[in-house]
Protein backbone atom coordinates (compact mmCIF):
# COMPACT_ATOMS: atom_id res chain seq x y z
CA MET A 1 -146.10 -111.57 -6.68
CA THR A 2 -144.37 -112.87 -3.53
CA SER A 3 -145.43 -116.45 -4.15
CA LEU A 4 -144.37 -116.22 -7.79
CA LEU A 5 -140.95 -114.94 -6.85
CA ASN A 6 -140.49 -117.60 -4.19
CA GLU A 7 -141.45 -120.29 -6.70
CA GLU A 8 -138.95 -119.05 -9.29
CA MET A 9 -136.17 -118.71 -6.73
CA THR A 10 -136.86 -122.17 -5.39
CA ASN A 11 -136.71 -123.64 -8.88
CA ALA A 12 -133.41 -121.88 -9.60
CA SER A 13 -131.95 -123.07 -6.31
CA ARG A 14 -133.07 -126.66 -6.97
CA ILE A 15 -131.46 -126.65 -10.42
CA ILE A 16 -128.12 -125.51 -9.02
CA ARG A 17 -128.24 -127.89 -6.04
CA ASP A 18 -129.10 -130.91 -8.21
CA LYS A 19 -126.14 -130.30 -10.47
CA ASP A 20 -123.83 -129.64 -7.54
CA ARG A 21 -124.71 -133.03 -6.08
CA THR A 22 -123.38 -134.73 -9.20
CA GLU A 23 -119.99 -133.02 -8.92
CA ASN A 24 -117.15 -133.95 -6.60
CA THR A 25 -116.15 -130.85 -4.71
CA GLU A 26 -113.07 -130.58 -2.56
CA ASP A 27 -113.52 -127.14 -1.08
CA GLU A 28 -116.78 -126.03 0.45
CA THR A 29 -115.57 -122.50 1.23
CA PRO A 30 -117.93 -120.09 -0.55
CA THR A 31 -116.28 -117.88 -3.14
CA PHE A 32 -117.70 -115.73 -5.85
CA ASP A 33 -118.12 -116.62 -9.52
CA THR A 34 -117.50 -114.05 -12.20
CA GLY A 35 -119.14 -116.12 -14.90
CA ASP A 36 -115.86 -116.89 -16.65
CA ASN A 37 -116.45 -120.63 -16.82
CA GLU A 38 -118.50 -121.63 -19.84
CA ASN A 39 -119.39 -124.93 -18.13
CA SER A 40 -121.48 -123.22 -15.48
CA SER A 41 -124.31 -125.28 -14.04
CA TYR A 42 -126.90 -123.10 -15.75
CA GLU A 43 -125.44 -123.64 -19.24
CA HIS A 44 -127.99 -126.32 -20.11
CA LEU A 45 -130.70 -123.73 -19.50
CA ARG A 46 -129.28 -121.17 -21.96
CA THR A 47 -131.78 -119.75 -24.44
CA PRO A 48 -130.89 -117.90 -27.67
CA LEU A 49 -130.18 -114.21 -27.27
CA TRP A 50 -131.74 -113.15 -30.57
CA GLY A 51 -135.47 -112.64 -30.24
CA SER A 52 -135.39 -112.98 -26.46
CA SER A 53 -136.98 -110.64 -23.94
CA ARG A 54 -133.57 -109.59 -22.64
CA PHE A 55 -132.53 -108.70 -26.19
CA ALA A 56 -135.75 -106.69 -26.63
CA LEU A 57 -134.88 -104.82 -23.42
CA ALA A 58 -131.44 -103.99 -24.82
CA VAL A 59 -132.95 -102.75 -28.10
CA LEU A 60 -135.49 -100.54 -26.36
CA GLY A 61 -132.69 -99.31 -24.10
CA PHE A 62 -130.67 -98.50 -27.22
CA PHE A 63 -133.43 -96.25 -28.54
CA GLY A 64 -133.83 -94.77 -25.08
CA PHE A 65 -130.21 -93.63 -25.17
CA VAL A 66 -130.66 -92.40 -28.74
CA ASN A 67 -133.36 -90.08 -27.44
CA SER A 68 -131.45 -89.22 -24.28
CA TYR A 69 -128.43 -88.00 -26.22
CA ALA A 70 -130.59 -86.30 -28.83
CA LEU A 71 -132.01 -84.23 -25.97
CA LEU A 72 -128.43 -83.49 -24.91
CA VAL A 73 -126.90 -82.38 -28.22
CA ASN A 74 -129.93 -80.71 -29.81
CA MET A 75 -129.03 -77.44 -28.10
CA SER A 76 -125.47 -77.60 -29.40
CA VAL A 77 -126.85 -77.81 -32.95
CA ALA A 78 -129.72 -75.36 -32.54
CA ILE A 79 -127.74 -72.60 -30.84
CA VAL A 80 -125.79 -72.07 -34.05
CA CYS A 81 -129.02 -70.94 -35.70
CA MET A 82 -130.42 -69.22 -32.64
CA VAL A 83 -127.61 -66.76 -31.93
CA ASN A 84 -126.44 -63.81 -33.98
CA ARG A 85 -122.73 -63.88 -33.25
CA THR A 86 -121.56 -61.43 -35.90
CA ASP A 87 -120.47 -58.56 -33.65
CA THR A 88 -118.64 -60.81 -31.19
CA LEU A 89 -116.73 -62.75 -33.85
CA VAL A 90 -115.70 -59.71 -35.90
CA THR A 91 -114.43 -57.97 -32.76
CA LYS A 92 -112.34 -61.00 -31.81
CA PHE A 93 -111.08 -61.41 -35.34
CA ASN A 94 -109.75 -57.87 -35.47
CA LYS A 95 -108.19 -57.73 -32.01
CA SER A 96 -104.73 -56.28 -31.99
CA LEU A 97 -103.39 -59.37 -30.25
CA LEU A 98 -104.20 -61.45 -33.29
CA ASN A 99 -101.00 -62.44 -35.04
CA LYS A 100 -100.86 -63.44 -38.66
CA ASP A 101 -98.25 -66.09 -37.92
CA ASP A 102 -100.61 -67.89 -35.55
CA PHE A 103 -102.85 -68.94 -38.40
CA ASN A 104 -100.27 -70.42 -40.78
CA ASP A 105 -102.27 -71.64 -43.78
CA CYS A 106 -105.56 -71.96 -41.89
CA VAL A 107 -106.75 -68.38 -42.50
CA ASP A 108 -106.02 -65.95 -45.27
CA PHE A 109 -105.25 -62.94 -43.08
CA SER A 110 -105.56 -59.62 -44.84
CA GLY A 111 -106.59 -57.07 -42.28
CA GLU A 112 -110.17 -56.01 -41.64
CA ARG A 113 -112.90 -58.56 -42.19
CA ASN A 114 -116.61 -58.57 -42.72
CA ALA A 115 -118.70 -61.02 -40.76
CA SER A 116 -119.33 -63.09 -43.84
CA ASP A 117 -115.57 -63.51 -44.33
CA VAL A 118 -114.92 -64.98 -40.92
CA PRO A 119 -114.64 -68.78 -41.28
CA GLY A 120 -117.53 -70.72 -39.82
CA THR A 121 -119.86 -67.75 -39.32
CA HIS A 122 -123.14 -66.79 -40.86
CA ARG A 123 -125.59 -63.95 -40.60
CA GLY A 124 -128.88 -64.45 -38.84
CA GLY A 125 -130.07 -65.66 -35.48
CA GLU A 126 -132.61 -63.81 -33.38
CA PHE A 127 -130.80 -63.83 -30.03
CA ASN A 128 -127.92 -61.51 -29.16
CA TRP A 129 -126.44 -63.69 -26.43
CA ASP A 130 -122.76 -63.14 -25.71
CA THR A 131 -120.40 -66.07 -25.26
CA LYS A 132 -120.82 -66.04 -21.49
CA VAL A 133 -124.59 -66.49 -21.74
CA GLN A 134 -124.13 -69.17 -24.38
CA GLY A 135 -121.72 -70.97 -22.05
CA PHE A 136 -124.30 -70.97 -19.26
CA ILE A 137 -126.98 -72.27 -21.62
CA LEU A 138 -124.81 -75.09 -22.94
CA GLY A 139 -123.38 -75.85 -19.49
CA GLY A 140 -126.77 -75.88 -17.78
CA PHE A 141 -127.35 -79.46 -18.91
CA PHE A 142 -124.19 -80.67 -17.18
CA TRP A 143 -124.95 -78.87 -13.93
CA GLY A 144 -128.21 -80.77 -13.78
CA TYR A 145 -126.53 -83.96 -14.92
CA LEU A 146 -124.00 -83.73 -12.10
CA VAL A 147 -126.41 -83.18 -9.22
CA SER A 148 -128.70 -86.05 -10.25
CA GLN A 149 -126.12 -88.84 -10.46
CA ILE A 150 -126.00 -90.16 -6.90
CA PRO A 151 -129.73 -89.64 -6.20
CA ALA A 152 -130.41 -91.42 -9.50
CA GLY A 153 -128.64 -94.54 -8.32
CA TRP A 154 -130.70 -94.60 -5.14
CA LEU A 155 -133.93 -93.93 -7.03
CA ALA A 156 -133.21 -96.73 -9.50
CA THR A 157 -132.55 -99.13 -6.64
CA ARG A 158 -135.60 -97.98 -4.70
CA PHE A 159 -138.22 -97.67 -7.45
CA GLY A 160 -136.74 -99.73 -10.26
CA GLY A 161 -134.81 -98.83 -13.38
CA LYS A 162 -137.83 -99.02 -15.66
CA ARG A 163 -139.76 -96.28 -13.90
CA VAL A 164 -136.77 -94.01 -13.31
CA PHE A 165 -135.56 -94.25 -16.92
CA GLY A 166 -139.01 -93.85 -18.44
CA TRP A 167 -140.30 -90.97 -16.38
CA SER A 168 -136.99 -89.13 -16.53
CA ILE A 169 -137.12 -89.09 -20.32
CA PHE A 170 -140.77 -88.01 -20.16
CA ILE A 171 -139.96 -84.99 -17.98
CA ALA A 172 -136.98 -84.14 -20.18
CA THR A 173 -139.28 -84.37 -23.19
CA ILE A 174 -141.70 -81.83 -21.74
CA CYS A 175 -138.85 -79.41 -20.99
CA THR A 176 -137.46 -79.89 -24.49
CA MET A 177 -140.81 -79.08 -26.06
CA LEU A 178 -140.93 -75.91 -23.93
CA THR A 179 -137.42 -74.86 -24.96
CA PRO A 180 -138.48 -72.51 -27.82
CA ILE A 181 -140.88 -70.73 -25.47
CA GLY A 182 -138.22 -70.47 -22.77
CA ALA A 183 -135.66 -69.07 -25.21
CA LYS A 184 -138.02 -66.38 -26.46
CA THR A 185 -139.14 -65.47 -22.93
CA ASP A 186 -135.80 -65.10 -21.13
CA TYR A 187 -132.46 -66.86 -21.42
CA ARG A 188 -132.56 -67.56 -17.67
CA LEU A 189 -135.72 -69.61 -18.13
CA LEU A 190 -133.95 -71.48 -20.92
CA ILE A 191 -131.06 -72.25 -18.57
CA VAL A 192 -133.49 -73.62 -15.98
CA LEU A 193 -135.09 -75.87 -18.59
CA ARG A 194 -131.68 -77.18 -19.66
CA VAL A 195 -130.72 -77.86 -16.04
CA ILE A 196 -133.90 -79.94 -15.65
CA VAL A 197 -133.17 -81.82 -18.87
CA GLY A 198 -129.68 -82.53 -17.54
CA MET A 199 -131.03 -83.76 -14.22
CA CYS A 200 -133.37 -86.15 -15.99
CA ASN A 201 -130.69 -87.43 -18.34
CA GLY A 202 -128.39 -87.96 -15.38
CA THR A 203 -130.62 -90.80 -14.20
CA VAL A 204 -130.60 -92.91 -17.35
CA PHE A 205 -127.26 -94.68 -16.95
CA PRO A 206 -127.81 -95.63 -13.28
CA ALA A 207 -131.36 -96.74 -14.14
CA MET A 208 -130.21 -98.93 -17.03
CA HIS A 209 -127.40 -100.36 -14.93
CA ALA A 210 -129.96 -101.29 -12.28
CA LEU A 211 -132.09 -103.03 -14.92
CA PHE A 212 -129.13 -104.96 -16.29
CA GLY A 213 -128.36 -106.10 -12.76
CA HIS A 214 -131.61 -108.08 -12.96
CA TRP A 215 -131.69 -108.98 -16.65
CA SER A 216 -128.18 -109.70 -17.98
CA PRO A 217 -126.62 -113.16 -17.62
CA PRO A 218 -122.88 -112.79 -16.87
CA LEU A 219 -121.67 -114.26 -20.18
CA GLU A 220 -123.93 -111.95 -22.23
CA ARG A 221 -123.38 -108.82 -20.18
CA SER A 222 -120.85 -107.13 -22.46
CA ARG A 223 -122.99 -107.64 -25.55
CA LEU A 224 -126.21 -106.41 -23.99
CA THR A 225 -124.69 -103.32 -22.41
CA ALA A 226 -122.68 -102.53 -25.55
CA LEU A 227 -125.80 -102.67 -27.71
CA THR A 228 -127.79 -100.48 -25.36
CA TYR A 229 -125.15 -97.88 -24.58
CA SER A 230 -124.14 -97.54 -28.22
CA GLY A 231 -127.41 -95.63 -28.50
CA THR A 232 -125.55 -92.66 -27.04
CA GLN A 233 -123.40 -92.36 -30.14
CA ALA A 234 -126.28 -93.16 -32.47
CA GLY A 235 -128.20 -90.28 -30.89
CA ILE A 236 -125.35 -87.91 -31.69
CA VAL A 237 -124.95 -89.31 -35.21
CA ILE A 238 -128.64 -88.78 -35.94
CA THR A 239 -129.10 -85.42 -34.23
CA PHE A 240 -126.21 -83.54 -35.83
CA PRO A 241 -127.30 -83.91 -39.48
CA LEU A 242 -131.01 -83.87 -38.64
CA GLY A 243 -130.59 -80.72 -36.56
CA ALA A 244 -128.55 -79.05 -39.29
CA TYR A 245 -131.30 -79.80 -41.80
CA LEU A 246 -134.14 -78.64 -39.55
CA CYS A 247 -132.20 -75.52 -38.67
CA GLN A 248 -132.44 -74.39 -42.29
CA ASN A 249 -135.61 -76.11 -43.49
CA GLY A 250 -137.65 -76.99 -40.42
CA PHE A 251 -141.07 -75.74 -39.42
CA GLY A 252 -141.86 -73.15 -36.74
CA GLY A 253 -139.04 -70.87 -37.80
CA GLY A 254 -136.34 -73.51 -38.31
CA TRP A 255 -134.48 -74.02 -35.03
CA PRO A 256 -137.63 -74.60 -32.87
CA SER A 257 -138.45 -77.66 -34.96
CA ILE A 258 -135.27 -79.34 -33.68
CA PHE A 259 -136.72 -79.41 -30.18
CA TYR A 260 -140.21 -80.36 -31.33
CA VAL A 261 -138.99 -83.31 -33.40
CA CYS A 262 -136.71 -84.56 -30.60
CA GLY A 263 -139.54 -84.17 -28.12
CA MET A 264 -142.05 -86.10 -30.23
CA ALA A 265 -139.58 -88.94 -30.82
CA SER A 266 -138.81 -89.16 -27.09
CA PHE A 267 -142.50 -89.24 -26.19
CA LEU A 268 -143.13 -92.10 -28.61
CA TRP A 269 -140.24 -94.02 -27.04
CA PHE A 270 -141.64 -93.35 -23.55
CA VAL A 271 -144.97 -94.97 -24.47
CA LEU A 272 -143.27 -98.06 -25.93
CA TRP A 273 -140.88 -98.34 -22.96
CA MET A 274 -143.59 -98.20 -20.31
CA PHE A 275 -145.75 -100.71 -22.18
CA PHE A 276 -143.18 -103.35 -23.18
CA VAL A 277 -140.47 -103.23 -20.48
CA SER A 278 -140.59 -104.94 -17.10
CA GLY A 279 -138.29 -104.42 -14.17
CA SER A 280 -137.30 -108.09 -13.86
CA PRO A 281 -137.87 -111.43 -15.62
CA VAL A 282 -140.28 -112.42 -12.87
CA GLU A 283 -142.56 -109.48 -13.66
CA HIS A 284 -142.42 -109.86 -17.43
CA LYS A 285 -145.71 -111.11 -18.87
CA ARG A 286 -144.43 -112.24 -22.27
CA ILE A 287 -141.13 -113.89 -21.38
CA SER A 288 -140.84 -117.64 -21.92
CA HIS A 289 -140.50 -119.85 -18.90
CA GLU A 290 -137.18 -121.20 -20.23
CA GLU A 291 -135.63 -117.76 -20.61
CA LYS A 292 -136.84 -116.64 -17.21
CA GLU A 293 -135.38 -119.75 -15.60
CA TYR A 294 -132.07 -119.25 -17.41
CA ILE A 295 -131.67 -115.60 -16.38
CA ILE A 296 -132.55 -116.23 -12.75
CA ALA A 297 -130.31 -119.30 -12.49
CA SER A 298 -127.35 -117.49 -14.05
CA LEU A 299 -127.66 -114.54 -11.69
CA VAL A 300 -128.14 -116.76 -8.64
CA GLU A 301 -125.06 -118.80 -9.51
CA SER A 302 -123.03 -115.69 -10.27
CA ALA A 303 -123.78 -114.45 -6.78
CA HIS A 304 -123.33 -117.68 -4.82
CA LYS A 305 -121.40 -120.43 -6.60
CA LYS A 306 -117.86 -121.56 -6.06
CA ASN A 307 -115.10 -119.76 -8.02
CA ARG A 308 -114.57 -120.82 -11.72
CA LYS A 309 -112.25 -119.06 -14.09
CA ASN A 310 -120.48 -80.64 -39.34
CA GLY A 311 -123.60 -82.32 -40.06
CA ILE A 312 -122.55 -85.67 -41.53
CA LEU A 313 -118.85 -84.92 -41.07
CA SER A 314 -119.41 -84.08 -37.42
CA ALA A 315 -121.20 -87.38 -37.00
CA LEU A 316 -118.47 -89.58 -38.51
CA PRO A 317 -116.48 -90.05 -35.25
CA TYR A 318 -119.64 -91.12 -33.45
CA ILE A 319 -120.59 -93.56 -36.20
CA ALA A 320 -117.21 -95.21 -35.63
CA PHE A 321 -117.75 -95.04 -31.86
CA TRP A 322 -121.16 -96.71 -32.17
CA ALA A 323 -119.78 -99.48 -34.38
CA MET A 324 -116.79 -100.09 -32.11
CA ILE A 325 -118.94 -100.30 -28.98
CA ASN A 326 -120.98 -103.14 -30.49
CA VAL A 327 -118.03 -104.99 -32.02
CA THR A 328 -115.96 -104.88 -28.83
CA GLY A 329 -118.94 -105.98 -26.75
CA TRP A 330 -119.19 -109.20 -28.73
CA VAL A 331 -115.41 -109.68 -28.72
CA ALA A 332 -115.20 -109.20 -24.94
CA ASP A 333 -117.89 -111.79 -24.29
CA PHE A 334 -116.25 -114.19 -26.78
CA VAL A 335 -112.95 -113.85 -24.93
CA ARG A 336 -114.62 -114.55 -21.61
CA VAL A 337 -116.76 -117.46 -22.84
CA ARG A 338 -113.69 -119.16 -24.30
CA GLN A 339 -111.79 -118.43 -21.09
CA LEU A 340 -109.01 -116.71 -23.00
CA MET A 341 -108.92 -114.05 -20.29
CA SER A 342 -110.59 -113.60 -16.94
CA THR A 343 -113.25 -110.96 -16.45
CA THR A 344 -110.77 -108.73 -14.63
CA LEU A 345 -108.11 -108.99 -17.35
CA THR A 346 -110.71 -108.46 -20.08
CA ARG A 347 -112.00 -105.27 -18.50
CA LYS A 348 -108.49 -103.90 -17.93
CA ALA A 349 -107.24 -104.76 -21.43
CA PHE A 350 -110.22 -103.27 -23.25
CA ASP A 351 -110.29 -100.17 -21.07
CA ALA A 352 -106.56 -99.48 -21.41
CA PHE A 353 -106.65 -99.88 -25.18
CA GLY A 354 -109.70 -97.60 -25.38
CA LYS A 355 -107.85 -94.84 -23.54
CA ILE A 356 -104.16 -95.02 -24.48
CA VAL A 357 -104.51 -95.42 -28.25
CA PRO A 358 -107.04 -92.55 -28.60
CA ALA A 359 -104.76 -90.40 -26.41
CA VAL A 360 -101.85 -90.91 -28.81
CA LEU A 361 -104.07 -90.18 -31.81
CA MET A 362 -105.35 -87.04 -30.09
CA ILE A 363 -101.81 -85.72 -29.68
CA ALA A 364 -101.04 -86.50 -33.32
CA LEU A 365 -104.16 -84.60 -34.35
CA GLY A 366 -102.68 -81.40 -32.94
CA TYR A 367 -99.78 -81.57 -35.39
CA VAL A 368 -101.79 -82.06 -38.58
CA GLU A 369 -101.47 -79.21 -41.09
CA CYS A 370 -104.68 -77.29 -41.65
CA SER A 371 -104.57 -78.20 -45.33
CA ALA A 372 -104.54 -81.95 -44.52
CA THR A 373 -108.27 -82.15 -43.83
CA ALA A 374 -108.60 -85.83 -44.73
CA LEU A 375 -105.83 -86.88 -42.33
CA ALA A 376 -107.36 -84.80 -39.54
CA VAL A 377 -110.74 -86.44 -40.07
CA VAL A 378 -109.21 -89.94 -40.09
CA LEU A 379 -107.31 -89.31 -36.85
CA LEU A 380 -110.39 -87.84 -35.19
CA VAL A 381 -112.61 -90.72 -36.30
CA LEU A 382 -110.09 -93.30 -35.08
CA SER A 383 -109.54 -91.49 -31.78
CA VAL A 384 -113.24 -91.27 -30.98
CA GLY A 385 -114.10 -94.65 -32.48
CA LEU A 386 -111.46 -96.65 -30.61
CA SER A 387 -112.66 -95.07 -27.37
CA GLY A 388 -115.57 -97.48 -27.74
CA PHE A 389 -113.32 -100.22 -26.29
CA GLN A 390 -113.99 -98.64 -22.90
CA TYR A 391 -117.62 -99.76 -23.04
CA SER A 392 -116.37 -103.31 -22.50
CA GLY A 393 -114.05 -101.98 -19.81
CA PHE A 394 -115.07 -99.65 -17.02
CA ILE A 395 -118.60 -98.93 -18.29
CA VAL A 396 -119.92 -102.45 -17.63
CA ASN A 397 -117.60 -103.09 -14.68
CA HIS A 398 -120.13 -101.88 -12.11
CA VAL A 399 -122.42 -104.77 -13.04
CA ASP A 400 -119.53 -107.24 -12.70
CA ILE A 401 -118.50 -106.30 -9.20
CA ALA A 402 -121.91 -105.52 -7.66
CA PRO A 403 -125.00 -106.24 -9.78
CA ALA A 404 -127.40 -105.34 -6.97
CA TYR A 405 -125.79 -101.94 -6.49
CA ALA A 406 -124.76 -101.20 -10.08
CA GLY A 407 -127.10 -98.24 -10.38
CA ILE A 408 -125.77 -96.55 -7.26
CA LEU A 409 -122.13 -97.21 -8.17
CA PHE A 410 -122.58 -95.89 -11.68
CA GLY A 411 -124.31 -92.82 -10.29
CA ILE A 412 -121.35 -92.06 -8.05
CA SER A 413 -118.71 -92.52 -10.76
CA ASN A 414 -120.76 -90.75 -13.41
CA ALA A 415 -121.31 -87.81 -11.08
CA LEU A 416 -117.56 -87.30 -10.88
CA SER A 417 -117.15 -87.68 -14.65
CA ALA A 418 -119.92 -85.17 -15.29
CA ILE A 419 -117.73 -82.45 -13.81
CA GLY A 420 -115.84 -82.46 -17.07
CA GLY A 421 -119.01 -81.57 -18.93
CA PHE A 422 -119.09 -78.04 -17.57
CA VAL A 423 -115.46 -77.59 -16.51
CA SER A 424 -113.85 -78.52 -19.85
CA PRO A 425 -115.67 -75.85 -21.93
CA ILE A 426 -114.48 -73.21 -19.46
CA ILE A 427 -110.87 -74.45 -19.49
CA VAL A 428 -110.76 -74.84 -23.27
CA GLY A 429 -112.37 -71.42 -23.68
CA GLU A 430 -109.70 -69.83 -21.52
CA ILE A 431 -106.88 -71.57 -23.35
CA THR A 432 -108.17 -70.68 -26.82
CA LYS A 433 -109.92 -67.41 -26.08
CA GLU A 434 -107.55 -65.14 -28.01
CA ALA A 435 -107.30 -66.67 -31.48
CA GLN A 436 -107.74 -70.46 -31.28
CA THR A 437 -104.28 -71.06 -32.73
CA ARG A 438 -102.76 -74.43 -33.40
CA THR A 439 -100.44 -74.06 -30.42
CA GLU A 440 -103.38 -73.44 -28.12
CA TRP A 441 -105.22 -76.50 -29.40
CA GLN A 442 -102.10 -78.64 -29.11
CA PHE A 443 -102.01 -77.78 -25.42
CA VAL A 444 -105.68 -78.79 -25.13
CA PHE A 445 -104.99 -82.13 -26.82
CA TYR A 446 -101.95 -82.82 -24.61
CA MET A 447 -103.98 -82.10 -21.52
CA SER A 448 -106.82 -84.38 -22.68
CA ALA A 449 -104.39 -87.16 -23.55
CA GLY A 450 -102.76 -86.87 -20.14
CA ILE A 451 -106.11 -87.32 -18.42
CA TYR A 452 -106.84 -90.36 -20.60
CA ILE A 453 -103.50 -92.03 -19.88
CA PHE A 454 -103.74 -91.36 -16.15
CA GLY A 455 -107.21 -92.93 -16.12
CA ALA A 456 -105.94 -96.00 -17.98
CA ILE A 457 -103.03 -96.55 -15.57
CA PHE A 458 -105.22 -96.04 -12.50
CA TYR A 459 -107.82 -98.50 -13.79
CA VAL A 460 -105.24 -101.17 -14.68
CA ILE A 461 -103.77 -100.99 -11.17
CA PHE A 462 -106.93 -100.92 -9.09
CA ALA A 463 -109.82 -102.40 -11.11
CA SER A 464 -111.35 -105.83 -10.62
CA GLY A 465 -113.93 -107.87 -12.51
CA ASP A 466 -114.79 -110.16 -9.60
CA LEU A 467 -118.02 -110.03 -7.68
CA GLN A 468 -117.09 -108.29 -4.44
CA PRO A 469 -117.86 -109.95 -1.09
CA TRP A 470 -119.39 -106.74 0.24
CA ALA A 471 -121.86 -106.79 -2.66
CA VAL A 472 -123.29 -110.19 -1.67
CA GLU A 473 -125.81 -109.63 1.08
CA THR A 474 -126.46 -112.61 3.27
CA ASP A 475 -129.72 -110.98 4.28
CA PRO A 476 -131.02 -109.97 1.85
CA ILE A 477 -129.78 -110.29 -1.72
CA ASP A 478 -132.28 -109.14 -4.28
CA ILE A 479 -131.75 -110.20 -7.88
CA ASN A 480 -135.12 -108.94 -8.98
CA ASN A 481 -136.59 -105.58 -9.72
CA GLU A 482 -136.95 -103.35 -6.72
CA GLU A 483 -139.98 -101.42 -7.91
CA ASN A 484 -142.36 -100.92 -5.05
CA SER A 485 -146.09 -100.51 -5.37
CA GLY A 486 -148.04 -101.67 -2.36
CA SER A 487 -148.60 -105.42 -2.39
CA ASP A 488 -146.41 -105.79 -5.47
CA ARG A 489 -143.31 -105.14 -3.40
CA LEU A 490 -140.77 -107.79 -4.45
CA GLU A 491 -139.34 -109.96 -1.75
CA SER A 492 -135.62 -110.66 -1.29
CA MET A 493 -133.61 -113.85 -1.28
CA THR A 494 -131.03 -114.95 1.28
CA LEU A 495 -127.91 -116.98 0.64
CA ARG A 496 -129.14 -119.56 3.09
CA ASP A 497 -132.27 -120.08 0.97
CA LEU A 498 -130.08 -121.01 -1.98
CA SER A 499 -127.70 -123.36 -0.20
């Protein structure tokens, strides 16, 4: 493995040196290329993206995130069928603090209600969990997700993204298959299982970022990451209607089949992932020599060259999100290839648009009359869908500024963002705990929009798309997979070896 790596690195270095010798250079001071120049010295090595091994990695990554997010949202769908909420909802509905004027035309208020009259409720469900227990069950995932972020980045760097991603989904699959047993045994066991699922899912983004640090040429980076990470929304789109169907018509009592089906799909993906994916082009057994040479040369130059410039309805917003992620990924790379904008400006523009516009739409959503269902759906779909611009903004930015440390960086930032996963349900629950009036939800939307706009402004001021000097190790810089298994330990490159 060491000799193979040295041979490939030597070839890549020779290609870049030979081309450099044909160019007249005035400044020998080393700077860092962001891949903005379409006339890079590795351009003659470019191989088609479609049908390539790097494209196959992105597709398998896409289905990996489909399964990852299916394991996340399956509980949100299933708990509707699992819990008998009749007593709790009727009590809240008849509280003396409830004011007829709060509902406007959303509810036909006429005094006492039966459970079947309360909008959005149904009879059934075998578990009498109160809202506090339900909150712990749903929030358990995010507690696990939070604590695994930073360790996940280190694990992906140490053992390789392939192994971390694959085995994390495998463990989450086992816990998902055990969920029905845990729920029927004790809700505390169910919470533990959900925490473990969250911990496993917390590793997938850092692991995939680490893989892309070794597989994605700079001028294809937005497209590849957009395709892969759009699997998150596809997972939601698929799981909501599928879960709703299985809840009513599934085997094993209905709701348990949601976890069994998600578990079986995830296990099938795990087998395909471990068999077909490799941690780096050097390790890949089926990659063409031309593609391997192109990927390695592009990454070497990027590091070292001189600077050059409900059910279906519930799924609708995520369908738009998924589509927008892929469209904007191609647009972002087109803009960069044509040198219409630098990498830094591209990331800032796409990220700002993906935050500010949805924030405005979110505020508008709070003022829609309850009878204007179609308008509300359109605003919600646009708000969520246009957020997909961010996937060509801050999401891929870690790979731009530090490919070798992308997994660790994403783990750190994602750990902070995961706080919202368990804090926001608590805050929203407190704000809307009395009657969930329009005024209460308007406050929620204003608060969310404020967070979005603050994030956009902060990113525009401080973000960069340039490879950072601290991310280029003079001894060593490793552009290959860092999976370690005895004699298969990959060796590192130095800048001096490439000069």
